[in-house]
Amino acid sequence: MPTVIAHRGASGHRPEHTLAAYELAAWMGADYLEPDLVITADGVLVARHEPEISGTTDVADRPEFAGRRTTKDLDGHAVTGWFAEDFTLAELKTLRARERIPDLRPRNTAYDGAFEVPTFAEVLDLAARTGTGIYPETKHPGFFRAQGLALEEPLADALRAASVPAFVQSFSADSLRRMRELVDAPLVQLIGGRGTFDAPAVAAYADAVGPAKALVDRAFVEAAHRWGLLVHPWTFRAENRFLPPELRSSEDPAEHGDLAAELRRFTDLGVDGVFTDFPDVAANL
């Protein structure tokens, strides 16, 4: 049975990157909780999908923060909104989380406004309390480092102080190489849907590969294993929009199809773990 990595928590059931989503994931049987990490103005790691936070919090509705709206170059893309690094932790804690994809997960919107933005320390404490591992991602590490807010050093400090199993993941090979110098934890090179995979090159600095699931076939898995790399594809979701056509239940993109069948296909390919928004389905295969 592949390792079950709760992608942003049980984000198919609760707004992503909230303590409620992580705690539910642990209760559902997840092996690891997966927080994406960004950082505040005062250097505190917090769990958010991206530095820009208007898609996952109520910041755009908060008049006291209207002046913080800005445009930044995020790894070559102009992004307009509100950015975590422009807020202190105290300010960020006044915001409340929202469902990121309400059209596909309308039931999750019932929890809009109920939960804070958690710190990484809070997620680590929850993992220790529930007996789960932690699987953090450094998000846009070069973007933050250029602002004097490097992610790697505070992440390493937190992991060294924690007593939970951990993987560290990133799309940035440079970030992973920095982490290799700081912590003794398995490192995971993420690969996007249009990326390429050079197994010997990745094996020189990482212990696993996290490819977009569209990249994965038996040859991919065999090549990774031949070089000693674990394979943890992403992201497995139950909504029809994210499933192959033959596993969809209807034309409604928000309705759930046969996620279990898709997970079994990848299990048969020999993957070692799966990132999923629905850890209950993966844990009960």
Protein backbone atom coordinates (compact mmCIF):
# COMPACT_ATOMS: atom_id res chain seq x y z
CA MET A 1 0.00 0.00 0.00
CA PRO A 2 1.53 3.37 -1.01
CA THR A 3 2.21 6.02 1.62
CA VAL A 4 -0.78 8.35 1.94
CA ILE A 5 0.22 12.02 1.82
CA ALA A 6 -2.65 14.34 2.76
CA HIS A 7 -2.30 17.11 0.18
CA ARG A 8 -2.81 20.34 2.13
CA GLY A 9 -4.69 18.21 4.65
CA ALA A 10 -8.00 16.55 3.87
CA SER A 11 -8.59 19.41 1.47
CA GLY A 12 -11.40 17.64 -0.32
CA HIS A 13 -13.41 17.94 2.90
CA ARG A 14 -12.20 21.16 4.58
CA PRO A 15 -10.56 24.36 3.30
CA GLU A 16 -6.94 23.55 2.52
CA HIS A 17 -4.04 24.38 4.83
CA THR A 18 -6.16 24.71 7.96
CA LEU A 19 -5.65 22.82 11.20
CA ALA A 20 -9.12 21.37 10.69
CA ALA A 21 -8.06 19.91 7.32
CA TYR A 22 -4.85 18.48 8.76
CA GLU A 23 -6.54 17.00 11.82
CA LEU A 24 -9.26 15.39 9.72
CA ALA A 25 -6.58 13.92 7.44
CA ALA A 26 -4.82 12.33 10.40
CA TRP A 27 -8.11 10.91 11.64
CA MET A 28 -8.77 9.49 8.15
CA GLY A 29 -5.52 7.55 8.19
CA ALA A 30 -3.03 9.77 6.38
CA ASP A 31 0.62 8.86 6.91
CA TYR A 32 1.90 12.39 6.24
CA LEU A 33 0.43 15.91 6.38
CA GLU A 34 1.54 18.16 3.51
CA PRO A 35 1.85 21.91 4.19
CA ASP A 36 3.01 24.36 1.55
CA LEU A 37 5.19 26.91 3.33
CA VAL A 38 5.43 30.66 2.86
CA ILE A 39 6.76 33.20 5.38
CA THR A 40 5.56 36.34 7.17
CA ALA A 41 7.26 39.73 7.41
CA ASP A 42 8.57 38.75 10.84
CA GLY A 43 10.05 35.49 9.62
CA VAL A 44 7.43 32.94 10.70
CA LEU A 45 6.63 29.99 8.43
CA VAL A 46 2.91 29.58 7.72
CA ALA A 47 0.90 27.13 5.64
CA ARG A 48 -0.54 28.66 2.45
CA HIS A 49 -0.74 27.47 -1.13
CA GLU A 50 1.04 30.54 -2.52
CA PRO A 51 2.61 33.78 -1.28
CA GLU A 52 -0.45 35.60 -2.69
CA ILE A 53 -3.20 34.94 -0.14
CA SER A 54 -6.42 36.49 -1.51
CA GLY A 55 -7.54 33.18 -3.00
CA THR A 56 -7.43 31.36 0.33
CA THR A 57 -8.28 34.06 2.91
CA ASP A 58 -10.69 36.94 3.39
CA VAL A 59 -7.95 39.58 3.07
CA ALA A 60 -9.59 41.23 0.05
CA ASP A 61 -12.66 41.98 2.19
CA ARG A 62 -10.63 43.59 4.99
CA PRO A 63 -10.57 47.40 4.52
CA GLU A 64 -7.71 47.82 6.98
CA PHE A 65 -5.46 45.92 4.56
CA ALA A 66 -6.64 47.48 1.29
CA GLY A 67 -3.38 49.41 1.00
CA ARG A 68 -1.33 46.23 1.03
CA ARG A 69 -2.58 45.20 -2.41
CA THR A 70 0.35 45.22 -4.81
CA THR A 71 1.88 43.59 -7.88
CA LYS A 72 5.02 41.50 -7.61
CA ASP A 73 7.18 39.46 -9.95
CA LEU A 74 6.67 35.89 -8.76
CA ASP A 75 9.26 33.75 -10.51
CA GLY A 76 8.80 35.59 -13.80
CA HIS A 77 5.05 36.16 -13.56
CA ALA A 78 3.36 39.42 -12.58
CA VAL A 79 0.94 38.62 -9.73
CA THR A 80 -1.40 41.17 -8.16
CA GLY A 81 -2.88 40.74 -4.71
CA TRP A 82 -1.89 40.49 -1.08
CA PHE A 83 1.30 38.67 -0.09
CA ALA A 84 2.06 36.79 3.10
CA GLU A 85 5.47 38.41 3.48
CA ASP A 86 3.84 41.85 3.73
CA PHE A 87 2.02 40.85 6.92
CA THR A 88 3.28 40.13 10.40
CA LEU A 89 2.11 36.91 11.97
CA ALA A 90 -0.19 38.87 14.30
CA GLU A 91 -1.83 40.54 11.30
CA LEU A 92 -2.10 37.27 9.37
CA LYS A 93 -3.79 35.64 12.36
CA THR A 94 -6.67 38.12 12.08
CA LEU A 95 -7.53 36.72 8.64
CA ARG A 96 -9.75 33.70 8.10
CA ALA A 97 -9.37 30.89 5.60
CA ARG A 98 -11.62 30.34 2.60
CA GLU A 99 -12.15 27.46 0.20
CA ARG A 100 -9.83 27.96 -2.79
CA ILE A 101 -12.01 26.21 -5.43
CA PRO A 102 -15.60 26.89 -4.31
CA ASP A 103 -17.13 25.98 -7.67
CA LEU A 104 -15.84 22.43 -7.33
CA ARG A 105 -16.14 22.16 -3.54
CA PRO A 106 -19.23 24.13 -2.56
CA ARG A 107 -19.68 22.10 0.63
CA ASN A 108 -16.34 23.36 1.89
CA THR A 109 -17.57 26.95 1.71
CA ALA A 110 -19.67 26.25 4.80
CA TYR A 111 -16.38 26.54 6.71
CA ASP A 112 -15.34 29.86 5.19
CA GLY A 113 -14.40 32.21 8.01
CA ALA A 114 -14.10 29.48 10.62
CA PHE A 115 -10.35 28.83 10.64
CA GLU A 116 -7.10 30.76 11.05
CA VAL A 117 -3.99 30.53 8.92
CA PRO A 118 -1.82 28.02 10.81
CA THR A 119 1.86 28.37 11.50
CA PHE A 120 4.18 25.54 10.57
CA ALA A 121 4.87 25.09 14.27
CA GLU A 122 1.16 24.49 14.86
CA VAL A 123 1.03 21.90 12.07
CA LEU A 124 4.12 20.18 13.50
CA ASP A 125 2.50 20.06 16.93
CA LEU A 126 -0.64 18.53 15.42
CA ALA A 127 1.43 15.93 13.55
CA ALA A 128 3.21 14.95 16.76
CA ARG A 129 -0.06 14.74 18.65
CA THR A 130 -1.77 12.59 16.01
CA GLY A 131 1.18 10.35 15.20
CA THR A 132 1.55 11.44 11.58
CA GLY A 133 4.58 12.55 9.61
CA ILE A 134 5.13 15.95 8.02
CA TYR A 135 5.84 16.66 4.33
CA PRO A 136 6.53 20.40 3.87
CA GLU A 137 7.15 22.14 0.57
CA THR A 138 9.29 25.24 0.14
CA LYS A 139 7.13 27.44 -2.10
CA HIS A 140 8.91 29.90 -4.41
CA PRO A 141 12.08 29.80 -2.29
CA GLY A 142 14.06 32.07 -4.62
CA PHE A 143 11.32 34.71 -4.47
CA PHE A 144 11.50 34.77 -0.69
CA ARG A 145 15.29 34.58 -0.49
CA ALA A 146 15.54 37.66 -2.72
CA GLN A 147 13.50 39.54 -0.09
CA GLY A 148 15.77 38.44 2.74
CA LEU A 149 13.25 35.87 3.96
CA ALA A 150 14.84 32.51 3.20
CA LEU A 151 12.62 29.50 3.89
CA GLU A 152 15.27 26.82 4.31
CA GLU A 153 16.92 27.89 7.56
CA PRO A 154 13.73 28.31 9.63
CA LEU A 155 12.36 25.11 8.13
CA ALA A 156 15.49 23.22 9.12
CA ASP A 157 15.37 24.68 12.63
CA ALA A 158 11.75 23.59 13.03
CA LEU A 159 12.40 20.07 11.76
CA ARG A 160 15.44 19.59 13.98
CA ALA A 161 13.35 20.57 17.00
CA ALA A 162 10.44 18.28 16.06
CA SER A 163 10.02 14.60 16.76
CA VAL A 164 8.03 13.55 13.69
CA PRO A 165 9.04 11.74 10.49
CA ALA A 166 9.58 14.18 7.63
CA PHE A 167 10.10 14.51 3.91
CA VAL A 168 11.05 17.91 2.42
CA GLN A 169 9.87 18.72 -1.10
CA SER A 170 10.39 21.51 -3.59
CA PHE A 171 10.27 22.29 -7.29
CA SER A 172 13.58 24.07 -6.70
CA ALA A 173 16.66 21.86 -6.87
CA ASP A 174 18.64 24.71 -5.33
CA SER A 175 16.31 24.76 -2.33
CA LEU A 176 16.70 21.01 -1.89
CA ARG A 177 20.47 21.25 -2.08
CA ARG A 178 20.36 23.91 0.63
CA MET A 179 18.20 21.63 2.76
CA ARG A 180 20.65 18.75 2.25
CA GLU A 181 23.24 20.83 4.08
CA LEU A 182 20.88 21.63 6.94
CA VAL A 183 18.84 18.53 7.82
CA ASP A 184 19.02 14.77 7.65
CA ALA A 185 15.63 14.18 6.03
CA PRO A 186 14.67 12.59 2.71
CA LEU A 187 14.32 15.18 -0.05
CA VAL A 188 11.75 15.11 -2.85
CA GLN A 189 12.20 16.77 -6.24
CA LEU A 190 8.82 17.88 -7.56
CA ILE A 191 8.22 17.83 -11.32
CA GLY A 192 5.41 19.70 -13.06
CA GLY A 193 3.22 18.34 -15.80
CA ARG A 194 5.47 19.66 -18.57
CA GLY A 195 8.70 18.82 -16.78
CA THR A 196 11.29 16.22 -17.66
CA PHE A 197 12.84 13.57 -15.46
CA ASP A 198 16.55 12.77 -15.45
CA ALA A 199 16.78 10.04 -12.81
CA PRO A 200 20.59 10.04 -12.36
CA ALA A 201 20.66 13.83 -12.00
CA VAL A 202 17.86 13.88 -9.42
CA ALA A 203 19.39 10.98 -7.49
CA ALA A 204 22.55 13.06 -7.00
CA TYR A 205 20.80 15.28 -4.43
CA ALA A 206 17.32 13.86 -3.71
CA ASP A 207 15.80 10.69 -2.31
CA ALA A 208 12.45 10.75 -4.08
CA VAL A 209 10.63 12.32 -6.98
CA GLY A 210 7.17 13.89 -6.88
CA PRO A 211 5.91 14.00 -10.46
CA ALA A 212 2.60 15.25 -11.79
CA LYS A 213 0.58 12.09 -12.21
CA ALA A 214 0.32 12.58 -16.00
CA LEU A 215 4.06 11.88 -16.26
CA VAL A 216 3.91 8.53 -14.52
CA ASP A 217 3.93 5.20 -16.30
CA ARG A 218 5.67 1.92 -15.53
CA ALA A 219 8.85 3.03 -17.28
CA PHE A 220 9.00 6.19 -15.15
CA VAL A 221 8.61 4.20 -11.93
CA GLU A 222 11.20 1.62 -12.99
CA ALA A 223 13.73 4.31 -13.92
CA ALA A 224 13.27 6.06 -10.58
CA HIS A 225 13.57 2.84 -8.60
CA ARG A 226 16.67 1.85 -10.55
CA TRP A 227 18.36 4.97 -9.20
CA GLY A 228 17.06 4.48 -5.66
CA LEU A 229 14.33 7.13 -5.85
CA LEU A 230 10.89 6.77 -4.33
CA VAL A 231 7.97 7.88 -6.53
CA HIS A 232 5.21 10.04 -4.98
CA PRO A 233 2.92 11.38 -7.75
CA TRP A 234 0.40 14.22 -7.34
CA THR A 235 -2.45 15.11 -7.06
CA PHE A 236 -5.29 12.60 -6.70
CA ARG A 237 -8.73 14.19 -6.38
CA ALA A 238 -12.23 12.79 -6.50
CA GLU A 239 -13.93 15.47 -8.58
CA ASN A 240 -14.69 14.56 -12.18
CA ARG A 241 -12.62 17.48 -13.48
CA PHE A 242 -9.46 15.83 -12.16
CA LEU A 243 -10.20 12.27 -13.24
CA PRO A 244 -9.63 10.58 -16.60
CA PRO A 245 -12.83 10.50 -18.70
CA GLU A 246 -13.52 6.80 -18.18
CA LEU A 247 -13.58 7.25 -14.38
CA ARG A 248 -15.94 10.23 -14.30
CA SER A 249 -19.45 9.75 -12.97
CA SER A 250 -21.14 12.45 -15.07
CA GLU A 251 -20.56 15.66 -17.02
CA ASP A 252 -20.68 17.65 -13.77
CA PRO A 253 -17.07 18.65 -13.01
CA ALA A 254 -17.76 18.92 -9.27
CA GLU A 255 -19.40 15.52 -8.87
CA HIS A 256 -17.23 12.72 -7.57
CA GLY A 257 -16.07 9.91 -9.82
CA ASP A 258 -14.08 6.75 -9.16
CA LEU A 259 -10.96 8.03 -7.42
CA ALA A 260 -10.33 4.62 -5.87
CA ALA A 261 -9.97 3.08 -9.33
CA GLU A 262 -7.42 5.70 -10.34
CA LEU A 263 -5.43 5.12 -7.17
CA ARG A 264 -5.43 1.38 -7.79
CA ARG A 265 -4.01 1.97 -11.28
CA PHE A 266 -1.06 3.85 -9.83
CA THR A 267 -0.59 1.32 -7.06
CA ASP A 268 -0.32 -1.33 -9.76
CA LEU A 269 2.41 0.74 -11.43
CA GLY A 270 4.46 0.45 -8.26
CA VAL A 271 4.38 4.02 -6.92
CA ASP A 272 5.57 4.39 -3.35
CA GLY A 273 3.20 7.13 -2.20
CA VAL A 274 0.38 9.39 -3.40
CA PHE A 275 -0.54 13.00 -2.77
CA THR A 276 -4.30 13.19 -2.36
CA ASP A 277 -6.98 15.65 -1.25
CA PHE A 278 -9.02 12.63 -0.13
CA PRO A 279 -6.86 10.61 2.27
CA ASP A 280 -9.92 8.64 3.36
CA VAL A 281 -10.17 7.06 -0.11
CA ALA A 282 -6.47 6.28 -0.35
CA ALA A 283 -6.23 4.88 3.18
CA ASN A 284 -9.12 2.51 2.59
CA LEU A 285 -8.08 0.90 -0.69
